[in-house]
Every structure is written in C-alpha cells, then in structure tokens.
Amino acid sequence: GSAEPWLRTSPTEQVPGKFTTHRGWLDPYRL
C-alpha cells in the first residue's frame, strides 16, 4: 500500500548494521 522505495544490502552472511539500509532510491549497482 506504499510506493516508497527502500534499498537494503544483502550480504552473503549476516553482518549486523554494517552495510546500507536506505529509505529512498539509490543506484543499486553503484551501492
């Protein structure tokens, strides 16, 4: 019900809090 984009990095294994979680759009390949 929301069109807001979130970008969440997905490491090979869980690395809590290290990589980006971003509300809004970013270039995923650049990220």
Full PDB file with SEQRES, HELIX, SHEET, SSBOND, CRYST1, ORIGX, SCALE, CONECT and MASTER records, all heavy atoms in Angstrom:
SEQRES   1 A   31  GLY SER ALA GLU PRO TRP LEU ARG THR SER PRO THR GLU          
SEQRES   2 A   31  GLN VAL PRO GLY LYS PHE THR THR HIS ARG GLY TRP LEU          
SEQRES   3 A   31  ASP PRO TYR ARG LEU                                          
SHEET    1 AA1 2 TRP A   6  ARG A   8  0                                        
SHEET    2 AA1 2 THR A  21  ARG A  23 -1                                        
CRYST1    1.000    1.000    1.000  90.00  90.00  90.00 P 1           1          
ORIGX1      1.000000  0.000000  0.000000        0.00000                         
ORIGX2      0.000000  1.000000  0.000000        0.00000                         
ORIGX3      0.000000  0.000000  1.000000        0.00000                         
SCALE1      1.000000  0.000000  0.000000        0.00000                         
SCALE2      0.000000  1.000000  0.000000        0.00000                         
SCALE3      0.000000  0.000000  1.000000        0.00000                         
ATOM      1  N   GLY A   1       0.798  -1.213   0.000  1.00  0.00           N  
ATOM      2  CA  GLY A   1       0.000   0.000   0.000  1.00  0.00           C  
ATOM      3  C   GLY A   1       0.830   1.261   0.000  1.00  0.00           C  
ATOM      4  O   GLY A   1       0.306   2.371   0.055  1.00  0.00           O  
ATOM      5  N   SER A   2       2.146   1.104  -0.066  1.00  0.00           N  
ATOM      6  CA  SER A   2       3.052   2.247  -0.105  1.00  0.00           C  
ATOM      7  C   SER A   2       3.940   2.135  -1.331  1.00  0.00           C  
ATOM      8  O   SER A   2       4.394   1.046  -1.689  1.00  0.00           O  
ATOM      9  CB  SER A   2       3.924   2.297   1.148  1.00  0.00           C  
ATOM     10  OG  SER A   2       4.948   3.275   1.023  1.00  0.00           O  
ATOM     11  N   ALA A   3       4.181   3.270  -1.982  1.00  0.00           N  
ATOM     12  CA  ALA A   3       5.072   3.286  -3.142  1.00  0.00           C  
ATOM     13  C   ALA A   3       6.473   3.734  -2.778  1.00  0.00           C  
ATOM     14  O   ALA A   3       7.331   3.862  -3.653  1.00  0.00           O  
ATOM     15  CB  ALA A   3       4.503   4.205  -4.215  1.00  0.00           C  
ATOM     16  N   GLU A   4       6.744   3.976  -1.484  1.00  0.00           N  
ATOM     17  CA  GLU A   4       8.081   4.410  -1.083  1.00  0.00           C  
ATOM     18  C   GLU A   4       9.095   3.286  -1.260  1.00  0.00           C  
ATOM     19  O   GLU A   4       8.874   2.171  -0.784  1.00  0.00           O  
ATOM     20  CB  GLU A   4       8.084   4.852   0.385  1.00  0.00           C  
ATOM     21  CG  GLU A   4       7.423   6.166   0.644  1.00  0.00           C  
ATOM     22  CD  GLU A   4       7.659   6.661   2.063  1.00  0.00           C  
ATOM     23  OE1 GLU A   4       8.172   5.881   2.883  1.00  0.00           O  
ATOM     24  OE2 GLU A   4       7.341   7.826   2.320  1.00  0.00           O  
ATOM     25  N   PRO A   5      10.209   3.547  -1.934  1.00  0.00           N  
ATOM     26  CA  PRO A   5      11.224   2.503  -2.090  1.00  0.00           C  
ATOM     27  C   PRO A   5      12.198   2.473  -0.910  1.00  0.00           C  
ATOM     28  O   PRO A   5      12.548   3.515  -0.343  1.00  0.00           O  
ATOM     29  CB  PRO A   5      11.951   2.916  -3.372  1.00  0.00           C  
ATOM     30  CG  PRO A   5      11.846   4.417  -3.384  1.00  0.00           C  
ATOM     31  CD  PRO A   5      10.531   4.758  -2.723  1.00  0.00           C  
ATOM     32  N   TRP A   6      12.598   1.273  -0.539  1.00  0.00           N  
ATOM     33  CA  TRP A   6      13.693   1.063   0.419  1.00  0.00           C  
ATOM     34  C   TRP A   6      14.759   0.231  -0.274  1.00  0.00           C  
ATOM     35  O   TRP A   6      14.445  -0.721  -0.997  1.00  0.00           O  
ATOM     36  CB  TRP A   6      13.205   0.325   1.667  1.00  0.00           C  
ATOM     37  CG  TRP A   6      12.511   1.197   2.661  1.00  0.00           C  
ATOM     38  CD1 TRP A   6      11.257   1.742   2.557  1.00  0.00           C  
ATOM     39  CD2 TRP A   6      13.020   1.620   3.940  1.00  0.00           C  
ATOM     40  NE1 TRP A   6      10.959   2.468   3.677  1.00  0.00           N  
ATOM     41  CE2 TRP A   6      12.028   2.413   4.556  1.00  0.00           C  
ATOM     42  CE3 TRP A   6      14.221   1.403   4.620  1.00  0.00           C  
ATOM     43  CZ2 TRP A   6      12.183   2.993   5.805  1.00  0.00           C  
ATOM     44  CZ3 TRP A   6      14.387   1.966   5.874  1.00  0.00           C  
ATOM     45  CH2 TRP A   6      13.390   2.765   6.450  1.00  0.00           C  
ATOM     46  N   LEU A   7      16.014   0.566  -0.061  1.00  0.00           N  
ATOM     47  CA  LEU A   7      17.146  -0.223  -0.549  1.00  0.00           C  
ATOM     48  C   LEU A   7      17.836  -0.876   0.639  1.00  0.00           C  
ATOM     49  O   LEU A   7      18.211  -0.185   1.593  1.00  0.00           O  
ATOM     50  CB  LEU A   7      18.138   0.656  -1.315  1.00  0.00           C  
ATOM     51  CG  LEU A   7      17.981   0.790  -2.834  1.00  0.00           C  
ATOM     52  CD1 LEU A   7      18.372  -0.492  -3.518  1.00  0.00           C  
ATOM     53  CD2 LEU A   7      16.569   1.206  -3.211  1.00  0.00           C  
ATOM     54  N   ARG A   8      17.958  -2.194   0.591  1.00  0.00           N  
ATOM     55  CA  ARG A   8      18.613  -2.934   1.672  1.00  0.00           C  
ATOM     56  C   ARG A   8      19.716  -3.807   1.070  1.00  0.00           C  
ATOM     57  O   ARG A   8      19.448  -4.635   0.194  1.00  0.00           O  
ATOM     58  CB  ARG A   8      17.613  -3.817   2.423  1.00  0.00           C  
ATOM     59  CG  ARG A   8      16.429  -3.058   3.018  1.00  0.00           C  
ATOM     60  CD  ARG A   8      15.471  -4.011   3.734  1.00  0.00           C  
ATOM     61  NE  ARG A   8      14.262  -3.343   4.170  1.00  0.00           N  
ATOM     62  CZ  ARG A   8      14.131  -2.692   5.325  1.00  0.00           C  
ATOM     63  NH1 ARG A   8      15.161  -2.635   6.168  1.00  0.00           N  
ATOM     64  NH2 ARG A   8      12.989  -2.113   5.638  1.00  0.00           N  
ATOM     65  N   THR A   9      20.937  -3.631   1.517  1.00  0.00           N  
ATOM     66  CA  THR A   9      22.019  -4.507   1.080  1.00  0.00           C  
ATOM     67  C   THR A   9      21.828  -5.891   1.692  1.00  0.00           C  
ATOM     68  O   THR A   9      21.338  -6.032   2.812  1.00  0.00           O  
ATOM     69  CB  THR A   9      23.379  -3.946   1.504  1.00  0.00           C  
ATOM     70  OG1 THR A   9      23.307  -3.531   2.870  1.00  0.00           O  
ATOM     71  CG2 THR A   9      23.788  -2.774   0.643  1.00  0.00           C  
ATOM     72  N   SER A  10      22.204  -6.914   0.946  1.00  0.00           N  
ATOM     73  CA  SER A  10      22.064  -8.300   1.405  1.00  0.00           C  
ATOM     74  C   SER A  10      23.416  -8.997   1.324  1.00  0.00           C  
ATOM     75  O   SER A  10      23.789  -9.538   0.279  1.00  0.00           O  
ATOM     76  CB  SER A  10      21.029  -9.039   0.541  1.00  0.00           C  
ATOM     77  OG  SER A  10      20.811 -10.349   1.020  1.00  0.00           O  
ATOM     78  N   PRO A  11      24.181  -8.979   2.433  1.00  0.00           N  
ATOM     79  CA  PRO A  11      25.497  -9.646   2.428  1.00  0.00           C  
ATOM     80  C   PRO A  11      25.365 -11.151   2.251  1.00  0.00           C  
ATOM     81  O   PRO A  11      24.290 -11.730   2.445  1.00  0.00           O  
ATOM     82  CB  PRO A  11      26.068  -9.298   3.816  1.00  0.00           C  
ATOM     83  CG  PRO A  11      25.257  -8.149   4.314  1.00  0.00           C  
ATOM     84  CD  PRO A  11      23.897  -8.313   3.703  1.00  0.00           C  
ATOM     85  N   THR A  12      26.473 -11.789   1.911  1.00  0.00           N  
ATOM     86  CA  THR A  12      26.474 -13.246   1.772  1.00  0.00           C  
ATOM     87  C   THR A  12      26.077 -13.912   3.089  1.00  0.00           C  
ATOM     88  O   THR A  12      25.363 -14.913   3.100  1.00  0.00           O  
ATOM     89  CB  THR A  12      27.852 -13.748   1.338  1.00  0.00           C  
ATOM     90  OG1 THR A  12      28.842 -13.261   2.260  1.00  0.00           O  
ATOM     91  CG2 THR A  12      28.198 -13.261  -0.061  1.00  0.00           C  
ATOM     92  N   GLU A  13      26.547 -13.375   4.197  1.00  0.00           N  
ATOM     93  CA  GLU A  13      26.119 -13.802   5.527  1.00  0.00           C  
ATOM     94  C   GLU A  13      25.799 -12.564   6.338  1.00  0.00           C  
ATOM     95  O   GLU A  13      26.309 -11.472   6.059  1.00  0.00           O  
ATOM     96  CB  GLU A  13      27.199 -14.635   6.232  1.00  0.00           C  
ATOM     97  CG  GLU A  13      27.407 -16.005   5.621  1.00  0.00           C  
ATOM     98  CD  GLU A  13      28.209 -16.927   6.531  1.00  0.00           C  
ATOM     99  OE1 GLU A  13      28.143 -16.756   7.770  1.00  0.00           O  
ATOM    100  OE2 GLU A  13      28.905 -17.803   5.993  1.00  0.00           O  
ATOM    101  N   GLN A  14      24.960 -12.748   7.346  1.00  0.00           N  
ATOM    102  CA  GLN A  14      24.513 -11.615   8.149  1.00  0.00           C  
ATOM    103  C   GLN A  14      25.697 -10.863   8.760  1.00  0.00           C  
ATOM    104  O   GLN A  14      26.555 -11.455   9.405  1.00  0.00           O  
ATOM    105  CB  GLN A  14      23.576 -12.092   9.260  1.00  0.00           C  
ATOM    106  CG  GLN A  14      22.951 -10.956  10.051  1.00  0.00           C  
ATOM    107  CD  GLN A  14      22.161 -11.448  11.255  1.00  0.00           C  
ATOM    108  OE1 GLN A  14      22.301 -12.600  11.678  1.00  0.00           O  
ATOM    109  NE2 GLN A  14      21.342 -10.592  11.825  1.00  0.00           N  
ATOM    110  N   VAL A  15      25.731  -9.558   8.529  1.00  0.00           N  
ATOM    111  CA  VAL A  15      26.732  -8.666   9.129  1.00  0.00           C  
ATOM    112  C   VAL A  15      25.940  -7.499   9.727  1.00  0.00           C  
ATOM    113  O   VAL A  15      25.725  -6.493   9.061  1.00  0.00           O  
ATOM    114  CB  VAL A  15      27.763  -8.156   8.098  1.00  0.00           C  
ATOM    115  CG1 VAL A  15      28.878  -7.390   8.814  1.00  0.00           C  
ATOM    116  CG2 VAL A  15      28.334  -9.303   7.278  1.00  0.00           C  
ATOM    117  N   PRO A  16      25.474  -7.635  10.963  1.00  0.00           N  
ATOM    118  CA  PRO A  16      24.511  -6.680  11.506  1.00  0.00           C  
ATOM    119  C   PRO A  16      25.005  -5.233  11.484  1.00  0.00           C  
ATOM    120  O   PRO A  16      26.073  -4.919  11.994  1.00  0.00           O  
ATOM    121  CB  PRO A  16      24.308  -7.155  12.948  1.00  0.00           C  
ATOM    122  CG  PRO A  16      24.696  -8.605  12.928  1.00  0.00           C  
ATOM    123  CD  PRO A  16      25.804  -8.702  11.930  1.00  0.00           C  
ATOM    124  N   GLY A  17      24.204  -4.372  10.857  1.00  0.00           N  
ATOM    125  CA  GLY A  17      24.443  -2.938  10.919  1.00  0.00           C  
ATOM    126  C   GLY A  17      25.624  -2.406  10.138  1.00  0.00           C  
ATOM    127  O   GLY A  17      25.929  -1.214  10.238  1.00  0.00           O  
ATOM    128  N   LYS A  18      26.286  -3.235   9.336  1.00  0.00           N  
ATOM    129  CA  LYS A  18      27.500  -2.759   8.662  1.00  0.00           C  
ATOM    130  C   LYS A  18      27.196  -2.095   7.328  1.00  0.00           C  
ATOM    131  O   LYS A  18      27.772  -1.061   6.991  1.00  0.00           O  
ATOM    132  CB  LYS A  18      28.473  -3.908   8.449  1.00  0.00           C  
ATOM    133  CG  LYS A  18      29.777  -3.470   7.794  1.00  0.00           C  
ATOM    134  CD  LYS A  18      30.779  -4.605   7.702  1.00  0.00           C  
ATOM    135  CE  LYS A  18      32.086  -4.135   7.053  1.00  0.00           C  
ATOM    136  NZ  LYS A  18      33.075  -5.226   6.963  1.00  0.00           N  
ATOM    137  N   PHE A  19      26.301  -2.698   6.540  1.00  0.00           N  
ATOM    138  CA  PHE A  19      26.042  -2.198   5.201  1.00  0.00           C  
ATOM    139  C   PHE A  19      24.730  -1.414   5.159  1.00  0.00           C  
ATOM    140  O   PHE A  19      23.898  -1.497   6.059  1.00  0.00           O  
ATOM    141  CB  PHE A  19      26.025  -3.348   4.203  1.00  0.00           C  
ATOM    142  CG  PHE A  19      27.342  -4.068   4.102  1.00  0.00           C  
ATOM    143  CD1 PHE A  19      27.469  -5.373   4.563  1.00  0.00           C  
ATOM    144  CD2 PHE A  19      28.452  -3.449   3.557  1.00  0.00           C  
ATOM    145  CE1 PHE A  19      28.683  -6.041   4.476  1.00  0.00           C  
ATOM    146  CE2 PHE A  19      29.673  -4.114   3.465  1.00  0.00           C  
ATOM    147  CZ  PHE A  19      29.790  -5.409   3.930  1.00  0.00           C  
ATOM    148  N   THR A  20      24.521  -0.722   4.061  1.00  0.00           N  
ATOM    149  CA  THR A  20      23.463   0.283   3.959  1.00  0.00           C  
ATOM    150  C   THR A  20      22.057  -0.294   3.956  1.00  0.00           C  
ATOM    151  O   THR A  20      21.763  -1.281   3.276  1.00  0.00           O  
ATOM    152  CB  THR A  20      23.682   1.105   2.671  1.00  0.00           C  
ATOM    153  OG1 THR A  20      24.860   1.875   2.810  1.00  0.00           O  
ATOM    154  CG2 THR A  20      22.514   2.032   2.391  1.00  0.00           C  
ATOM    155  N   THR A  21      21.185   0.361   4.730  1.00  0.00           N  
ATOM    156  CA  THR A  21      19.734   0.290   4.573  1.00  0.00           C  
ATOM    157  C   THR A  21      19.278   1.726   4.363  1.00  0.00           C  
ATOM    158  O   THR A  21      19.571   2.597   5.183  1.00  0.00           O  
ATOM    159  CB  THR A  21      19.059  -0.318   5.806  1.00  0.00           C  
ATOM    160  OG1 THR A  21      19.421  -1.689   5.923  1.00  0.00           O  
ATOM    161  CG2 THR A  21      17.541  -0.210   5.701  1.00  0.00           C  
ATOM    162  N   HIS A  22      18.566   1.980   3.253  1.00  0.00           N  
ATOM    163  CA  HIS A  22      18.290   3.369   2.876  1.00  0.00           C  
ATOM    164  C   HIS A  22      16.836   3.531   2.474  1.00  0.00           C  
ATOM    165  O   HIS A  22      16.323   2.773   1.638  1.00  0.00           O  
ATOM    166  CB  HIS A  22      19.195   3.769   1.702  1.00  0.00           C  
ATOM    167  CG  HIS A  22      18.971   5.164   1.209  1.00  0.00           C  
ATOM    168  ND1 HIS A  22      19.436   6.273   1.881  1.00  0.00           N  
ATOM    169  CD2 HIS A  22      18.328   5.625   0.093  1.00  0.00           C  
ATOM    170  CE1 HIS A  22      19.101   7.355   1.202  1.00  0.00           C  
ATOM    171  NE2 HIS A  22      18.417   6.995   0.122  1.00  0.00           N  
ATOM    172  N   ARG A  23      16.185   4.503   3.074  1.00  0.00           N  
ATOM    173  CA  ARG A  23      14.823   4.856   2.680  1.00  0.00           C  
ATOM    174  C   ARG A  23      14.907   5.803   1.490  1.00  0.00           C  
ATOM    175  O   ARG A  23      15.396   6.924   1.603  1.00  0.00           O  
ATOM    176  CB  ARG A  23      14.088   5.508   3.856  1.00  0.00           C  
ATOM    177  CG  ARG A  23      12.627   5.839   3.582  1.00  0.00           C  
ATOM    178  CD  ARG A  23      12.035   6.580   4.753  1.00  0.00           C  
ATOM    179  NE  ARG A  23      10.653   6.960   4.514  1.00  0.00           N  
ATOM    180  CZ  ARG A  23       9.991   7.839   5.252  1.00  0.00           C  
ATOM    181  NH1 ARG A  23      10.600   8.440   6.279  1.00  0.00           N  
ATOM    182  NH2 ARG A  23       8.735   8.126   4.964  1.00  0.00           N  
ATOM    183  N   GLY A  24      14.439   5.347   0.346  1.00  0.00           N  
ATOM    184  CA  GLY A  24      14.575   6.107  -0.891  1.00  0.00           C  
ATOM    185  C   GLY A  24      15.397   5.320  -1.894  1.00  0.00           C  
ATOM    186  O   GLY A  24      15.920   4.243  -1.600  1.00  0.00           O  
ATOM    187  N   TRP A  25      15.520   5.850  -3.090  1.00  0.00           N  
ATOM    188  CA  TRP A  25      16.190   5.120  -4.164  1.00  0.00           C  
ATOM    189  C   TRP A  25      17.664   5.498  -4.259  1.00  0.00           C  
ATOM    190  O   TRP A  25      18.037   6.669  -4.122  1.00  0.00           O  
ATOM    191  CB  TRP A  25      15.512   5.386  -5.503  1.00  0.00           C  
ATOM    192  CG  TRP A  25      16.173   4.642  -6.631  1.00  0.00           C  
ATOM    193  CD1 TRP A  25      16.959   5.148  -7.607  1.00  0.00           C  
ATOM    194  CD2 TRP A  25      16.109   3.236  -6.864  1.00  0.00           C  
ATOM    195  NE1 TRP A  25      17.390   4.146  -8.446  1.00  0.00           N  
ATOM    196  CE2 TRP A  25      16.883   2.953  -8.011  1.00  0.00           C  
ATOM    197  CE3 TRP A  25      15.475   2.167  -6.211  1.00  0.00           C  
ATOM    198  CZ2 TRP A  25      17.042   1.673  -8.521  1.00  0.00           C  
ATOM    199  CZ3 TRP A  25      15.636   0.898  -6.725  1.00  0.00           C  
ATOM    200  CH2 TRP A  25      16.404   0.655  -7.862  1.00  0.00           C  
ATOM    201  N   LEU A  26      18.495   4.497  -4.490  1.00  0.00           N  
ATOM    202  CA  LEU A  26      19.905   4.671  -4.817  1.00  0.00           C  
ATOM    203  C   LEU A  26      20.216   3.744  -5.990  1.00  0.00           C  
ATOM    204  O   LEU A  26      19.506   2.754  -6.217  1.00  0.00           O  
ATOM    205  CB  LEU A  26      20.805   4.301  -3.630  1.00  0.00           C  
ATOM    206  CG  LEU A  26      20.719   5.151  -2.362  1.00  0.00           C  
ATOM    207  CD1 LEU A  26      21.531   4.488  -1.247  1.00  0.00           C  
ATOM    208  CD2 LEU A  26      21.228   6.556  -2.622  1.00  0.00           C  
ATOM    209  N   ASP A  27      21.266   4.038  -6.712  1.00  0.00           N  
ATOM    210  CA  ASP A  27      21.727   3.138  -7.766  1.00  0.00           C  
ATOM    211  C   ASP A  27      22.243   1.861  -7.101  1.00  0.00           C  
ATOM    212  O   ASP A  27      23.278   1.881  -6.423  1.00  0.00           O  
ATOM    213  CB  ASP A  27      22.849   3.822  -8.558  1.00  0.00           C  
ATOM    214  CG  ASP A  27      23.388   2.953  -9.690  1.00  0.00           C  
ATOM    215  OD1 ASP A  27      23.192   1.726  -9.653  1.00  0.00           O  
ATOM    216  OD2 ASP A  27      24.013   3.510 -10.603  1.00  0.00           O  
ATOM    217  N   PRO A  28      21.566   0.726  -7.257  1.00  0.00           N  
ATOM    218  CA  PRO A  28      21.972  -0.478  -6.526  1.00  0.00           C  
ATOM    219  C   PRO A  28      23.337  -1.002  -6.942  1.00  0.00           C  
ATOM    220  O   PRO A  28      24.082  -1.537  -6.106  1.00  0.00           O  
ATOM    221  CB  PRO A  28      20.865  -1.485  -6.843  1.00  0.00           C  
ATOM    222  CG  PRO A  28      20.249  -0.997  -8.107  1.00  0.00           C  
ATOM    223  CD  PRO A  28      20.365   0.494  -8.070  1.00  0.00           C  
ATOM    224  N   TYR A  29      23.679  -0.852  -8.217  1.00  0.00           N  
ATOM    225  CA  TYR A  29      24.973  -1.362  -8.680  1.00  0.00           C  
ATOM    226  C   TYR A  29      26.118  -0.488  -8.168  1.00  0.00           C  
ATOM    227  O   TYR A  29      27.175  -1.005  -7.793  1.00  0.00           O  
ATOM    228  CB  TYR A  29      24.977  -1.447 -10.209  1.00  0.00           C  
ATOM    229  CG  TYR A  29      23.958  -2.430 -10.720  1.00  0.00           C  
ATOM    230  CD1 TYR A  29      22.748  -1.992 -11.256  1.00  0.00           C  
ATOM    231  CD2 TYR A  29      24.184  -3.802 -10.641  1.00  0.00           C  
ATOM    232  CE1 TYR A  29      21.796  -2.895 -11.711  1.00  0.00           C  
ATOM    233  CE2 TYR A  29      23.244  -4.710 -11.095  1.00  0.00           C  
ATOM    234  CZ  TYR A  29      22.044  -4.246 -11.622  1.00  0.00           C  
ATOM    235  OH  TYR A  29      21.105  -5.145 -12.056  1.00  0.00           O  
ATOM    236  N   ARG A  30      25.885   0.805  -8.123  1.00  0.00           N  
ATOM    237  CA  ARG A  30      26.903   1.690  -7.541  1.00  0.00           C  
ATOM    238  C   ARG A  30      27.047   1.410  -6.040  1.00  0.00           C  
ATOM    239  O   ARG A  30      28.147   1.413  -5.509  1.00  0.00           O  
ATOM    240  CB  ARG A  30      26.543   3.152  -7.791  1.00  0.00           C  
ATOM    241  CG  ARG A  30      27.541   4.118  -7.144  1.00  0.00           C  
ATOM    242  CD  ARG A  30      27.344   5.555  -7.586  1.00  0.00           C  
ATOM    243  NE  ARG A  30      28.231   6.459  -6.877  1.00  0.00           N  
ATOM    244  CZ  ARG A  30      29.520   6.594  -7.119  1.00  0.00           C  
ATOM    245  NH1 ARG A  30      30.084   5.873  -8.073  1.00  0.00           N  
ATOM    246  NH2 ARG A  30      30.255   7.431  -6.424  1.00  0.00           N  
ATOM    247  N   LEU A  31      25.918   1.172  -5.383  1.00  0.00           N  
ATOM    248  CA  LEU A  31      25.950   0.863  -3.957  1.00  0.00           C  
ATOM    249  C   LEU A  31      26.806  -0.379  -3.693  1.00  0.00           C  
ATOM    250  O   LEU A  31      27.646  -0.398  -2.786  1.00  0.00           O  
ATOM    251  CB  LEU A  31      24.529   0.654  -3.444  1.00  0.00           C  
ATOM    252  CG  LEU A  31      24.358   0.330  -1.961  1.00  0.00           C  
ATOM    253  CD1 LEU A  31      24.917   1.436  -1.086  1.00  0.00           C  
ATOM    254  CD2 LEU A  31      22.879   0.084  -1.641  1.00  0.00           C  
TER     255      LEU A  31                                                      
MASTER        0    0    0    0    2    0    0    6  254    1    0    3          
END                                                                             
